[in-house]
N, C-alpha and C. Protein backbone atom coordinates (compact mmCIF):
# COMPACT_ATOMS: atom_id res chain seq x y z
N MET A 1 -6.29 1.05 14.13
CA MET A 1 -6.85 0.70 12.83
C MET A 1 -7.29 -0.76 12.87
N LYS A 2 -8.36 -1.03 12.17
CA LYS A 2 -8.90 -2.39 12.12
C LYS A 2 -8.09 -3.25 11.17
N ASP A 3 -8.06 -4.57 11.44
CA ASP A 3 -7.49 -5.51 10.49
C ASP A 3 -8.27 -5.39 9.19
N GLY A 4 -7.59 -5.51 8.06
CA GLY A 4 -8.30 -5.47 6.79
C GLY A 4 -7.39 -5.07 5.64
N LEU A 5 -8.03 -4.89 4.50
CA LEU A 5 -7.35 -4.52 3.26
C LEU A 5 -7.39 -3.01 3.08
N TYR A 6 -6.24 -2.43 2.80
CA TYR A 6 -6.10 -0.98 2.67
C TYR A 6 -5.50 -0.61 1.31
N ARG A 7 -6.01 0.45 0.73
CA ARG A 7 -5.38 1.06 -0.45
C ARG A 7 -4.23 1.90 0.07
N VAL A 8 -3.07 1.80 -0.57
CA VAL A 8 -1.93 2.62 -0.18
C VAL A 8 -1.51 3.47 -1.37
N GLU A 9 -1.35 4.75 -1.13
CA GLU A 9 -0.83 5.68 -2.13
C GLU A 9 0.47 6.22 -1.58
N SER A 10 1.53 6.16 -2.38
CA SER A 10 2.85 6.57 -1.90
C SER A 10 3.50 7.55 -2.86
N GLN A 11 4.45 8.31 -2.30
CA GLN A 11 5.15 9.29 -3.13
C GLN A 11 6.53 9.57 -2.55
N THR A 12 7.48 9.76 -3.45
CA THR A 12 8.81 10.25 -3.11
C THR A 12 9.16 11.33 -4.13
N GLN A 13 10.37 11.87 -4.02
CA GLN A 13 10.82 12.84 -5.01
C GLN A 13 10.97 12.19 -6.38
N ARG A 14 11.06 10.87 -6.45
CA ARG A 14 11.26 10.15 -7.71
C ARG A 14 9.97 9.75 -8.41
N GLY A 15 8.83 9.84 -7.71
CA GLY A 15 7.57 9.45 -8.34
C GLY A 15 6.52 9.03 -7.34
N ALA A 16 5.38 8.58 -7.88
CA ALA A 16 4.25 8.17 -7.07
C ALA A 16 3.86 6.74 -7.42
N GLY A 17 3.19 6.07 -6.48
CA GLY A 17 2.75 4.71 -6.70
C GLY A 17 1.49 4.42 -5.91
N ALA A 18 0.88 3.27 -6.20
CA ALA A 18 -0.32 2.85 -5.49
C ALA A 18 -0.35 1.33 -5.45
N GLY A 19 -0.95 0.80 -4.41
CA GLY A 19 -1.07 -0.64 -4.26
C GLY A 19 -2.05 -0.94 -3.15
N VAL A 20 -1.96 -2.16 -2.60
CA VAL A 20 -2.79 -2.56 -1.49
C VAL A 20 -1.92 -3.20 -0.42
N VAL A 21 -2.35 -3.09 0.83
CA VAL A 21 -1.71 -3.79 1.94
C VAL A 21 -2.80 -4.39 2.81
N PHE A 22 -2.51 -5.56 3.36
CA PHE A 22 -3.41 -6.20 4.30
C PHE A 22 -2.76 -6.12 5.67
N LEU A 23 -3.47 -5.49 6.61
CA LEU A 23 -2.99 -5.35 7.98
C LEU A 23 -3.73 -6.36 8.85
N GLU A 24 -2.96 -7.16 9.61
CA GLU A 24 -3.60 -8.13 10.48
C GLU A 24 -2.69 -8.46 11.65
N GLY A 25 -3.14 -8.06 12.85
CA GLY A 25 -2.45 -8.41 14.07
C GLY A 25 -0.98 -8.03 14.12
N GLY A 26 -0.62 -6.88 13.55
CA GLY A 26 0.76 -6.42 13.56
C GLY A 26 1.58 -6.83 12.36
N THR A 27 0.99 -7.62 11.46
CA THR A 27 1.68 -8.05 10.24
C THR A 27 1.12 -7.31 9.04
N LEU A 28 2.00 -6.89 8.15
CA LEU A 28 1.65 -6.15 6.94
C LEU A 28 2.11 -6.96 5.74
N ARG A 29 1.21 -7.14 4.76
CA ARG A 29 1.54 -7.81 3.50
C ARG A 29 0.81 -7.08 2.38
N GLY A 30 1.44 -6.95 1.22
CA GLY A 30 0.76 -6.29 0.13
C GLY A 30 1.59 -6.25 -1.13
N GLY A 31 1.15 -5.39 -2.05
CA GLY A 31 1.88 -5.26 -3.29
C GLY A 31 1.16 -4.39 -4.30
N ASP A 32 1.78 -4.35 -5.47
CA ASP A 32 1.21 -3.66 -6.62
C ASP A 32 1.52 -4.49 -7.85
N SER A 33 1.46 -3.93 -9.02
CA SER A 33 1.65 -4.72 -10.24
C SER A 33 3.09 -5.17 -10.46
N GLN A 34 4.05 -4.63 -9.70
CA GLN A 34 5.46 -4.99 -9.89
C GLN A 34 6.19 -5.36 -8.61
N MET A 35 5.73 -4.85 -7.48
CA MET A 35 6.45 -5.02 -6.21
C MET A 35 5.56 -5.73 -5.19
N PHE A 36 6.21 -6.40 -4.22
CA PHE A 36 5.47 -6.89 -3.07
C PHE A 36 6.09 -6.31 -1.81
N TYR A 37 5.26 -6.23 -0.75
CA TYR A 37 5.68 -5.62 0.50
C TYR A 37 5.38 -6.58 1.65
N THR A 38 6.28 -6.67 2.60
CA THR A 38 6.06 -7.43 3.83
C THR A 38 6.60 -6.60 4.99
N GLY A 39 6.06 -6.83 6.17
CA GLY A 39 6.57 -6.11 7.31
C GLY A 39 5.70 -6.21 8.52
N SER A 40 5.89 -5.25 9.42
CA SER A 40 5.14 -5.21 10.67
C SER A 40 4.71 -3.78 10.94
N TYR A 41 3.69 -3.65 11.80
CA TYR A 41 3.19 -2.32 12.16
C TYR A 41 2.67 -2.35 13.59
N SER A 42 2.52 -1.16 14.15
CA SER A 42 1.86 -1.03 15.45
C SER A 42 1.15 0.31 15.49
N GLU A 43 0.13 0.36 16.33
CA GLU A 43 -0.61 1.60 16.53
C GLU A 43 -0.81 1.78 18.03
N ASP A 44 -0.58 2.98 18.50
CA ASP A 44 -0.73 3.27 19.91
C ASP A 44 -1.21 4.71 20.07
N GLY A 45 -2.44 4.88 20.52
CA GLY A 45 -2.97 6.22 20.76
C GLY A 45 -2.99 7.11 19.54
N GLY A 46 -3.32 6.56 18.39
CA GLY A 46 -3.36 7.34 17.16
C GLY A 46 -2.02 7.52 16.47
N GLN A 47 -0.97 6.94 17.04
CA GLN A 47 0.36 6.97 16.42
C GLN A 47 0.61 5.63 15.73
N PHE A 48 1.00 5.67 14.48
CA PHE A 48 1.20 4.47 13.66
C PHE A 48 2.67 4.37 13.28
N THR A 49 3.26 3.21 13.46
CA THR A 49 4.63 2.97 12.99
C THR A 49 4.65 1.67 12.20
N ALA A 50 5.55 1.60 11.24
CA ALA A 50 5.67 0.39 10.42
C ALA A 50 7.10 0.22 9.93
N GLN A 51 7.48 -1.03 9.76
CA GLN A 51 8.74 -1.40 9.13
C GLN A 51 8.36 -2.27 7.94
N VAL A 52 8.77 -1.86 6.74
CA VAL A 52 8.34 -2.53 5.52
C VAL A 52 9.55 -2.87 4.66
N GLN A 53 9.55 -4.07 4.11
CA GLN A 53 10.56 -4.47 3.14
C GLN A 53 9.86 -4.64 1.79
N THR A 54 10.53 -4.22 0.72
CA THR A 54 9.96 -4.38 -0.61
C THR A 54 10.88 -5.24 -1.46
N ASP A 55 10.30 -5.86 -2.47
CA ASP A 55 11.07 -6.60 -3.47
C ASP A 55 10.23 -6.69 -4.73
N VAL A 56 10.85 -7.07 -5.82
CA VAL A 56 10.19 -7.11 -7.12
C VAL A 56 9.66 -8.52 -7.39
N HIS A 57 8.47 -8.59 -8.03
CA HIS A 57 7.94 -9.87 -8.50
C HIS A 57 7.77 -9.90 -10.01
N THR A 58 7.76 -8.74 -10.67
CA THR A 58 7.60 -8.66 -12.12
C THR A 58 8.51 -7.58 -12.67
N ARG A 59 9.24 -7.91 -13.70
CA ARG A 59 10.13 -6.94 -14.35
C ARG A 59 9.56 -6.55 -15.70
N PRO A 60 9.83 -5.38 -16.21
CA PRO A 60 10.63 -4.36 -15.56
C PRO A 60 9.85 -3.75 -14.40
N SER A 61 10.57 -3.28 -13.41
CA SER A 61 9.92 -2.66 -12.25
C SER A 61 10.35 -1.20 -12.14
N ILE A 62 9.42 -0.40 -11.65
CA ILE A 62 9.69 1.01 -11.42
C ILE A 62 9.30 1.30 -9.97
N SER A 63 10.26 1.54 -9.14
CA SER A 63 10.03 1.80 -7.73
C SER A 63 10.11 3.29 -7.45
N VAL A 64 9.33 3.75 -6.47
CA VAL A 64 9.40 5.16 -6.09
C VAL A 64 10.73 5.50 -5.42
N PHE A 65 11.55 4.48 -5.13
CA PHE A 65 12.89 4.70 -4.59
C PHE A 65 13.97 4.56 -5.65
N GLY A 66 13.61 4.05 -6.83
CA GLY A 66 14.61 3.85 -7.87
C GLY A 66 15.40 2.57 -7.69
N MET A 67 14.99 1.71 -6.76
CA MET A 67 15.62 0.41 -6.55
C MET A 67 14.55 -0.56 -6.04
N ASP A 68 14.78 -1.85 -6.25
CA ASP A 68 13.77 -2.86 -5.93
C ASP A 68 13.67 -3.17 -4.45
N ARG A 69 14.78 -3.47 -3.83
CA ARG A 69 14.78 -3.93 -2.43
C ARG A 69 15.16 -2.80 -1.50
N VAL A 70 14.20 -2.42 -0.65
CA VAL A 70 14.46 -1.40 0.36
C VAL A 70 13.80 -1.80 1.67
N HIS A 71 14.31 -1.23 2.75
CA HIS A 71 13.76 -1.40 4.09
C HIS A 71 13.30 -0.02 4.56
N ILE A 72 12.00 0.15 4.69
CA ILE A 72 11.40 1.45 4.98
C ILE A 72 10.94 1.50 6.44
N ARG A 73 11.25 2.58 7.12
CA ARG A 73 10.72 2.85 8.47
C ARG A 73 9.77 4.03 8.34
N LEU A 74 8.55 3.83 8.84
CA LEU A 74 7.50 4.83 8.72
C LEU A 74 6.92 5.19 10.08
N SER A 75 6.46 6.43 10.19
CA SER A 75 5.69 6.83 11.38
C SER A 75 4.68 7.87 10.94
N GLY A 76 3.57 7.92 11.68
CA GLY A 76 2.53 8.88 11.34
C GLY A 76 1.36 8.77 12.28
N THR A 77 0.21 9.24 11.80
CA THR A 77 -0.99 9.27 12.63
C THR A 77 -2.14 8.54 11.94
N THR A 78 -3.07 8.07 12.78
CA THR A 78 -4.27 7.42 12.26
C THR A 78 -5.48 8.29 12.55
N ASN A 79 -6.50 8.11 11.72
CA ASN A 79 -7.78 8.78 11.91
C ASN A 79 -8.84 7.82 11.41
N GLY A 80 -9.47 7.08 12.33
CA GLY A 80 -10.46 6.08 11.92
C GLY A 80 -9.78 4.97 11.14
N ASP A 81 -10.25 4.75 9.92
CA ASP A 81 -9.72 3.69 9.06
C ASP A 81 -8.70 4.21 8.05
N SER A 82 -7.96 5.24 8.41
CA SER A 82 -6.92 5.75 7.52
C SER A 82 -5.69 6.16 8.32
N ALA A 83 -4.57 6.25 7.63
CA ALA A 83 -3.32 6.67 8.26
C ALA A 83 -2.51 7.49 7.27
N GLN A 84 -1.77 8.45 7.78
CA GLN A 84 -0.83 9.23 6.99
C GLN A 84 0.53 9.09 7.63
N MET A 85 1.54 8.73 6.81
CA MET A 85 2.87 8.45 7.34
C MET A 85 3.96 9.06 6.48
N THR A 86 5.12 9.24 7.08
CA THR A 86 6.33 9.60 6.35
C THR A 86 7.45 8.71 6.86
N GLY A 87 8.48 8.56 6.03
CA GLY A 87 9.61 7.75 6.43
C GLY A 87 10.72 7.78 5.42
N THR A 88 11.70 6.93 5.66
CA THR A 88 12.85 6.81 4.76
C THR A 88 13.23 5.35 4.63
N ALA A 89 13.98 5.06 3.59
CA ALA A 89 14.52 3.72 3.38
C ALA A 89 16.01 3.75 3.70
N THR A 90 16.46 2.73 4.38
CA THR A 90 17.88 2.62 4.74
C THR A 90 18.76 2.76 3.51
N GLU A 91 18.34 2.16 2.41
CA GLU A 91 19.14 2.13 1.19
C GLU A 91 19.08 3.42 0.38
N ALA A 92 18.18 4.34 0.73
CA ALA A 92 18.01 5.60 0.00
C ALA A 92 17.82 6.74 1.00
N PRO A 93 18.86 7.08 1.76
CA PRO A 93 18.72 8.02 2.87
C PRO A 93 18.27 9.43 2.50
N GLY A 94 18.47 9.88 1.29
CA GLY A 94 18.09 11.23 0.92
C GLY A 94 16.68 11.36 0.37
N ILE A 95 15.95 10.26 0.35
CA ILE A 95 14.61 10.27 -0.24
C ILE A 95 13.56 10.17 0.86
N THR A 96 12.60 11.10 0.86
CA THR A 96 11.50 11.09 1.81
C THR A 96 10.32 10.35 1.20
N PHE A 97 9.79 9.39 1.95
CA PHE A 97 8.67 8.55 1.52
C PHE A 97 7.42 9.00 2.27
N ARG A 98 6.35 9.23 1.52
CA ARG A 98 5.06 9.58 2.13
C ARG A 98 4.05 8.52 1.70
N ALA A 99 3.19 8.11 2.64
CA ALA A 99 2.18 7.11 2.32
C ALA A 99 0.87 7.44 3.03
N VAL A 100 -0.23 7.12 2.34
CA VAL A 100 -1.56 7.27 2.90
C VAL A 100 -2.27 5.93 2.76
N LEU A 101 -2.83 5.43 3.86
CA LEU A 101 -3.60 4.19 3.86
C LEU A 101 -5.07 4.51 4.06
N ASN A 102 -5.94 3.86 3.30
CA ASN A 102 -7.39 3.98 3.47
C ASN A 102 -8.00 2.58 3.38
N ARG A 103 -8.78 2.20 4.40
CA ARG A 103 -9.36 0.85 4.44
C ARG A 103 -10.41 0.70 3.34
N ILE A 104 -10.34 -0.44 2.61
CA ILE A 104 -11.29 -0.70 1.54
C ILE A 104 -12.11 -1.96 1.76
N ALA A 105 -11.66 -2.86 2.67
CA ALA A 105 -12.43 -4.08 2.94
C ALA A 105 -11.95 -4.68 4.26
N GLY A 106 -12.86 -5.48 4.89
CA GLY A 106 -12.54 -6.13 6.17
C GLY A 106 -11.80 -7.42 6.01
């Protein structure tokens, strides 16, 4: 995947969310109206992995995990300028996280 700004749509059993992430050289940064995200990612042969930490910047906050601070491990596949991933958060082991990234700007 190219460096750039991506729309992210996410979902768990607790709800759905949307935001943006900027991918650049293995570093991931982003957020939405209540949360911010930081982390790292890699892509190899169409396989995408990421480690993401979340935290709140505006209250009240509503997280798709039901808590503000989580550490998410994701894996999935890429197709051009998009990726589909699934993962879990260490702090919420019974919740499955799904995310879709689509590039919106360079």
